[in-house]
Amino acid sequence: MSHLIEIRTPGRPKRPFFLRRGPMETIATVLIGLGFLMLFQPFLLVLYTYSLVTLLIGTVMFIIVSKFPE
């Protein structure tokens, strides 16, 4: 008789923007690219100074976000 009982399966929960993998991986990739551009530009010392921080934030963000569900 259990096969006659209709069981509702829950739908996929709506996650906020900052908890979705796709958009956050894109943002992390852009941060990594921005860090490389800041590292290779020869004009502003301020951009060169913060390039390593930007690269590290983008890399750590990508590692964390890649564990998020789709």
C-alpha atoms as a PDB file:
ATOM      1  CA  MET A   1       0.000   0.000   0.000  1.00  0.00           C
ATOM      2  CA  SER A   2       2.931   2.340   0.447  1.00  0.00           C
ATOM      3  CA  HIS A   3       3.300   2.730  -3.315  1.00  0.00           C
ATOM      4  CA  LEU A   4      -0.141   4.367  -3.405  1.00  0.00           C
ATOM      5  CA  ILE A   5       0.873   7.134  -1.014  1.00  0.00           C
ATOM      6  CA  GLU A   6       1.963  10.230  -2.854  1.00  0.00           C
ATOM      7  CA  ILE A   7       5.074  11.735  -1.335  1.00  0.00           C
ATOM      8  CA  ARG A   8       5.892  15.307  -2.200  1.00  0.00           C
ATOM      9  CA  THR A   9       9.516  15.911  -2.904  1.00  0.00           C
ATOM     10  CA  PRO A  10      10.710  19.340  -1.897  1.00  0.00           C
ATOM     11  CA  GLY A  11      11.791  21.591  -4.724  1.00  0.00           C
ATOM     12  CA  ARG A  12      15.166  23.187  -4.947  1.00  0.00           C
ATOM     13  CA  PRO A  13      15.436  25.909  -2.344  1.00  0.00           C
ATOM     14  CA  LYS A  14      16.017  29.418  -3.573  1.00  0.00           C
ATOM     15  CA  ARG A  15      19.446  30.564  -2.489  1.00  0.00           C
ATOM     16  CA  PRO A  16      20.515  34.183  -2.277  1.00  0.00           C
ATOM     17  CA  PHE A  17      22.918  35.514  -4.892  1.00  0.00           C
ATOM     18  CA  PHE A  18      25.995  35.238  -2.676  1.00  0.00           C
ATOM     19  CA  LEU A  19      25.385  31.527  -1.992  1.00  0.00           C
ATOM     20  CA  ARG A  20      25.216  30.375  -5.626  1.00  0.00           C
ATOM     21  CA  ARG A  21      28.239  28.839  -7.279  1.00  0.00           C
ATOM     22  CA  GLY A  22      27.992  30.268 -10.794  1.00  0.00           C
ATOM     23  CA  PRO A  23      27.907  34.008 -10.117  1.00  0.00           C
ATOM     24  CA  MET A  24      30.409  33.833  -7.278  1.00  0.00           C
ATOM     25  CA  GLU A  25      32.905  31.814  -9.338  1.00  0.00           C
ATOM     26  CA  THR A  26      32.645  34.503 -12.005  1.00  0.00           C
ATOM     27  CA  ILE A  27      33.351  37.234  -9.449  1.00  0.00           C
ATOM     28  CA  ALA A  28      36.313  35.275  -8.051  1.00  0.00           C
ATOM     29  CA  THR A  29      37.725  34.760 -11.543  1.00  0.00           C
ATOM     30  CA  VAL A  30      37.389  38.471 -12.293  1.00  0.00           C
ATOM     31  CA  LEU A  31      39.224  39.280  -9.043  1.00  0.00           C
ATOM     32  CA  ILE A  32      42.076  36.950  -9.994  1.00  0.00           C
ATOM     33  CA  GLY A  33      42.314  38.546 -13.445  1.00  0.00           C
ATOM     34  CA  LEU A  34      42.197  42.020 -11.930  1.00  0.00           C
ATOM     35  CA  GLY A  35      45.025  41.073  -9.573  1.00  0.00           C
ATOM     36  CA  PHE A  36      47.174  39.963 -12.504  1.00  0.00           C
ATOM     37  CA  LEU A  37      46.451  43.178 -14.388  1.00  0.00           C
ATOM     38  CA  MET A  38      47.334  45.200 -11.303  1.00  0.00           C
ATOM     39  CA  LEU A  39      50.569  43.221 -10.928  1.00  0.00           C
ATOM     40  CA  PHE A  40      51.732  43.772 -14.499  1.00  0.00           C
ATOM     41  CA  GLN A  41      50.934  47.449 -14.877  1.00  0.00           C
ATOM     42  CA  PRO A  42      54.004  49.699 -14.507  1.00  0.00           C
ATOM     43  CA  PHE A  43      52.403  53.076 -13.781  1.00  0.00           C
ATOM     44  CA  LEU A  44      50.794  53.209 -10.329  1.00  0.00           C
ATOM     45  CA  LEU A  45      52.613  51.877  -7.292  1.00  0.00           C
ATOM     46  CA  VAL A  46      49.355  51.681  -5.311  1.00  0.00           C
ATOM     47  CA  LEU A  47      47.851  49.180  -7.755  1.00  0.00           C
ATOM     48  CA  TYR A  48      51.042  47.136  -7.735  1.00  0.00           C
ATOM     49  CA  THR A  49      51.046  47.140  -3.921  1.00  0.00           C
ATOM     50  CA  TYR A  50      47.530  45.751  -3.596  1.00  0.00           C
ATOM     51  CA  SER A  51      47.801  43.265  -6.457  1.00  0.00           C
ATOM     52  CA  LEU A  52      48.953  40.403  -4.218  1.00  0.00           C
ATOM     53  CA  VAL A  53      46.072  41.004  -1.805  1.00  0.00           C
ATOM     54  CA  THR A  54      43.606  40.987  -4.700  1.00  0.00           C
ATOM     55  CA  LEU A  55      45.086  37.771  -6.088  1.00  0.00           C
ATOM     56  CA  LEU A  56      44.921  36.063  -2.702  1.00  0.00           C
ATOM     57  CA  ILE A  57      41.325  37.150  -2.041  1.00  0.00           C
ATOM     58  CA  GLY A  58      40.239  35.945  -5.483  1.00  0.00           C
ATOM     59  CA  THR A  59      42.003  32.610  -5.099  1.00  0.00           C
ATOM     60  CA  VAL A  60      40.664  31.895  -1.615  1.00  0.00           C
ATOM     61  CA  MET A  61      37.199  32.996  -2.703  1.00  0.00           C
ATOM     62  CA  PHE A  62      37.331  30.642  -5.694  1.00  0.00           C
ATOM     63  CA  ILE A  63      38.412  27.711  -3.513  1.00  0.00           C
ATOM     64  CA  ILE A  64      35.585  28.342  -1.031  1.00  0.00           C
ATOM     65  CA  VAL A  65      32.909  29.030  -3.641  1.00  0.00           C
ATOM     66  CA  SER A  66      33.752  25.930  -5.657  1.00  0.00           C
ATOM     67  CA  LYS A  67      32.410  23.880  -2.725  1.00  0.00           C
ATOM     68  CA  PHE A  68      28.971  25.564  -2.922  1.00  0.00           C
ATOM     69  CA  PRO A  69      26.053  23.598  -4.412  1.00  0.00           C
ATOM     70  CA  GLU A  70      24.888  24.444  -7.923  1.00  0.00           C
END
